[in-house]
């Protein structure tokens, strides 16, 4: 029996539009880093803090769940 794709999930593929959007996003990121390195560093540091907070929260949840 053949596998069927879920009806609500978008098909994955390497279409031209997907590649174009990815290329534009990467170029925009490079431009921001080159033109505003201080701001880019602050944004990266802020995102690092958010990610650290999420990981700490998940770890605390599992510690509470186990204890």
N, C-alpha and C. Protein backbone atom coordinates (compact mmCIF):
# COMPACT_ATOMS: atom_id res chain seq x y z
N UNK A 1 0.85 -1.17 0.00
CA UNK A 1 0.00 0.00 0.00
C UNK A 1 0.90 1.24 0.00
N UNK A 2 0.58 2.20 -0.81
CA UNK A 2 1.38 3.41 -0.94
C UNK A 2 1.10 4.36 0.22
N UNK A 3 2.13 5.07 0.62
CA UNK A 3 1.97 6.08 1.66
C UNK A 3 1.22 7.27 1.09
N UNK A 4 0.34 7.83 1.89
CA UNK A 4 -0.40 9.01 1.47
C UNK A 4 0.05 10.20 2.31
N UNK A 5 0.17 11.33 1.67
CA UNK A 5 0.56 12.54 2.39
C UNK A 5 -0.64 13.07 3.17
N UNK A 6 -0.37 13.65 4.32
CA UNK A 6 -1.44 14.24 5.11
C UNK A 6 -2.09 15.36 4.30
N UNK A 7 -3.40 15.47 4.34
CA UNK A 7 -4.07 16.45 3.48
C UNK A 7 -3.79 17.90 3.84
N UNK A 8 -3.48 18.21 5.10
CA UNK A 8 -3.29 19.60 5.50
C UNK A 8 -1.83 20.03 5.47
N UNK A 9 -0.93 19.10 5.27
CA UNK A 9 0.49 19.43 5.27
C UNK A 9 0.92 19.87 3.88
N UNK A 10 1.67 20.96 3.78
CA UNK A 10 2.15 21.38 2.46
C UNK A 10 3.19 20.41 1.92
N UNK A 11 3.21 20.26 0.62
CA UNK A 11 4.20 19.38 0.01
C UNK A 11 5.57 20.05 0.09
N UNK A 12 6.56 19.23 0.42
CA UNK A 12 7.91 19.77 0.47
C UNK A 12 8.53 19.61 -0.91
N UNK A 13 9.36 20.54 -1.26
CA UNK A 13 9.99 20.47 -2.56
C UNK A 13 11.00 21.58 -2.72
N UNK A 14 11.64 21.57 -3.83
CA UNK A 14 12.64 22.60 -4.08
C UNK A 14 12.19 23.45 -5.25
N UNK A 15 11.08 24.11 -5.07
CA UNK A 15 10.55 24.96 -6.12
C UNK A 15 11.36 26.23 -6.28
N UNK A 16 11.14 26.89 -7.39
CA UNK A 16 11.87 28.12 -7.69
C UNK A 16 11.52 29.20 -6.67
N UNK A 17 10.25 29.31 -6.31
CA UNK A 17 9.82 30.34 -5.36
C UNK A 17 10.46 30.12 -3.99
N UNK A 18 10.53 28.87 -3.55
CA UNK A 18 11.14 28.57 -2.26
C UNK A 18 12.62 28.95 -2.26
N UNK A 19 13.32 28.62 -3.33
CA UNK A 19 14.74 28.98 -3.42
C UNK A 19 14.92 30.49 -3.49
N UNK A 20 14.04 31.17 -4.20
CA UNK A 20 14.13 32.63 -4.32
C UNK A 20 13.92 33.30 -2.97
N UNK A 21 12.91 32.86 -2.22
CA UNK A 21 12.64 33.44 -0.90
C UNK A 21 13.81 33.18 0.05
N UNK A 22 14.37 31.98 0.02
CA UNK A 22 15.51 31.66 0.87
C UNK A 22 16.73 32.50 0.53
N UNK A 23 16.97 32.68 -0.77
CA UNK A 23 18.11 33.49 -1.21
C UNK A 23 17.94 34.95 -0.78
N UNK A 24 16.74 35.48 -0.94
CA UNK A 24 16.49 36.87 -0.54
C UNK A 24 16.66 37.03 0.97
N UNK A 25 16.19 36.06 1.74
CA UNK A 25 16.33 36.14 3.20
C UNK A 25 17.80 36.12 3.62
N UNK A 26 18.59 35.25 3.00
CA UNK A 26 20.01 35.18 3.34
C UNK A 26 20.72 36.47 2.94
N UNK A 27 20.41 36.99 1.76
CA UNK A 27 21.03 38.25 1.33
C UNK A 27 20.66 39.40 2.26
N UNK A 28 19.41 39.45 2.70
CA UNK A 28 18.99 40.50 3.62
C UNK A 28 19.75 40.40 4.94
N UNK A 29 19.94 39.18 5.42
CA UNK A 29 20.69 38.97 6.66
C UNK A 29 22.14 39.43 6.50
N UNK A 30 22.76 39.10 5.38
CA UNK A 30 24.14 39.51 5.13
C UNK A 30 24.24 41.04 5.07
N UNK A 31 23.27 41.68 4.40
CA UNK A 31 23.29 43.14 4.30
C UNK A 31 23.17 43.78 5.68
N UNK A 32 22.28 43.26 6.52
CA UNK A 32 22.12 43.81 7.87
C UNK A 32 23.42 43.64 8.66
N UNK A 33 24.04 42.48 8.54
CA UNK A 33 25.28 42.24 9.30
C UNK A 33 26.40 43.16 8.82
N UNK A 34 26.49 43.37 7.50
CA UNK A 34 27.58 44.20 6.97
C UNK A 34 27.35 45.68 7.24
N UNK A 35 26.13 46.14 7.07
CA UNK A 35 25.85 47.57 7.22
C UNK A 35 25.67 48.00 8.67
N UNK A 36 25.17 47.12 9.52
CA UNK A 36 24.89 47.46 10.92
C UNK A 36 25.41 46.35 11.84
N UNK A 37 26.71 46.16 11.93
CA UNK A 37 27.23 45.04 12.72
C UNK A 37 26.91 45.14 14.22
N UNK A 38 26.88 46.34 14.76
CA UNK A 38 26.57 46.49 16.18
C UNK A 38 25.14 46.09 16.49
N UNK A 39 24.21 46.54 15.65
CA UNK A 39 22.81 46.16 15.85
C UNK A 39 22.62 44.66 15.66
N UNK A 40 23.28 44.09 14.64
CA UNK A 40 23.17 42.65 14.40
C UNK A 40 23.69 41.85 15.59
N UNK A 41 24.78 42.32 16.18
CA UNK A 41 25.33 41.63 17.36
C UNK A 41 24.36 41.72 18.54
N UNK A 42 23.74 42.88 18.71
CA UNK A 42 22.78 43.04 19.81
C UNK A 42 21.57 42.13 19.60
N UNK A 43 21.10 42.04 18.36
CA UNK A 43 19.96 41.15 18.07
C UNK A 43 20.32 39.70 18.32
N UNK A 44 21.52 39.29 17.90
CA UNK A 44 21.96 37.91 18.11
C UNK A 44 22.09 37.61 19.60
N UNK A 45 22.62 38.57 20.34
CA UNK A 45 22.75 38.39 21.80
C UNK A 45 21.38 38.28 22.45
N UNK A 46 20.43 39.10 21.98
CA UNK A 46 19.07 39.03 22.51
C UNK A 46 18.40 37.70 22.20
N UNK A 47 18.60 37.21 20.98
CA UNK A 47 18.01 35.90 20.62
C UNK A 47 18.65 34.79 21.44
N UNK A 48 19.96 34.91 21.70
CA UNK A 48 20.62 33.93 22.55
C UNK A 48 20.04 33.91 23.95
N UNK A 49 19.72 35.10 24.47
CA UNK A 49 19.09 35.17 25.79
C UNK A 49 17.71 34.53 25.80
N UNK A 50 16.95 34.74 24.75
CA UNK A 50 15.62 34.13 24.65
C UNK A 50 15.73 32.61 24.59
N UNK A 51 16.65 32.12 23.77
CA UNK A 51 16.83 30.67 23.65
C UNK A 51 17.30 30.07 24.97
N UNK A 52 18.21 30.76 25.65
CA UNK A 52 18.67 30.29 26.96
C UNK A 52 17.51 30.24 27.95
N UNK A 53 16.66 31.25 27.92
CA UNK A 53 15.50 31.27 28.81
C UNK A 53 14.54 30.12 28.53
N UNK A 54 14.35 29.81 27.26
CA UNK A 54 13.46 28.71 26.90
C UNK A 54 14.02 27.38 27.39
N UNK A 55 15.33 27.16 27.16
CA UNK A 55 15.96 25.92 27.60
C UNK A 55 15.91 25.80 29.12
N UNK A 56 16.17 26.88 29.83
CA UNK A 56 16.10 26.86 31.30
C UNK A 56 14.67 26.55 31.76
N UNK A 57 13.68 27.12 31.10
CA UNK A 57 12.30 26.87 31.47
C UNK A 57 11.89 25.42 31.26
N UNK A 58 12.30 24.84 30.13
CA UNK A 58 11.98 23.44 29.85
C UNK A 58 12.68 22.54 30.86
N UNK A 59 13.94 22.84 31.18
CA UNK A 59 14.67 22.03 32.16
C UNK A 59 14.01 22.12 33.54
N UNK A 60 13.58 23.31 33.93
CA UNK A 60 12.90 23.47 35.22
C UNK A 60 11.59 22.69 35.23
N UNK A 61 10.88 22.69 34.12
CA UNK A 61 9.63 21.94 34.04
C UNK A 61 9.87 20.46 34.27
N UNK A 62 10.89 19.90 33.60
CA UNK A 62 11.16 18.47 33.76
C UNK A 62 11.68 18.15 35.15
N UNK A 63 12.44 19.08 35.76
CA UNK A 63 12.87 18.85 37.14
C UNK A 63 11.67 18.82 38.08
N UNK A 64 10.72 19.72 37.87
CA UNK A 64 9.51 19.75 38.70
C UNK A 64 8.67 18.49 38.47
N UNK A 65 8.62 18.06 37.23
CA UNK A 65 7.84 16.88 36.88
C UNK A 65 8.43 15.63 37.51
N UNK A 66 9.76 15.52 37.56
CA UNK A 66 10.42 14.36 38.12
C UNK A 66 10.42 14.38 39.64
N UNK A 67 10.42 15.57 40.20
CA UNK A 67 10.55 15.67 41.66
C UNK A 67 9.26 15.86 42.27
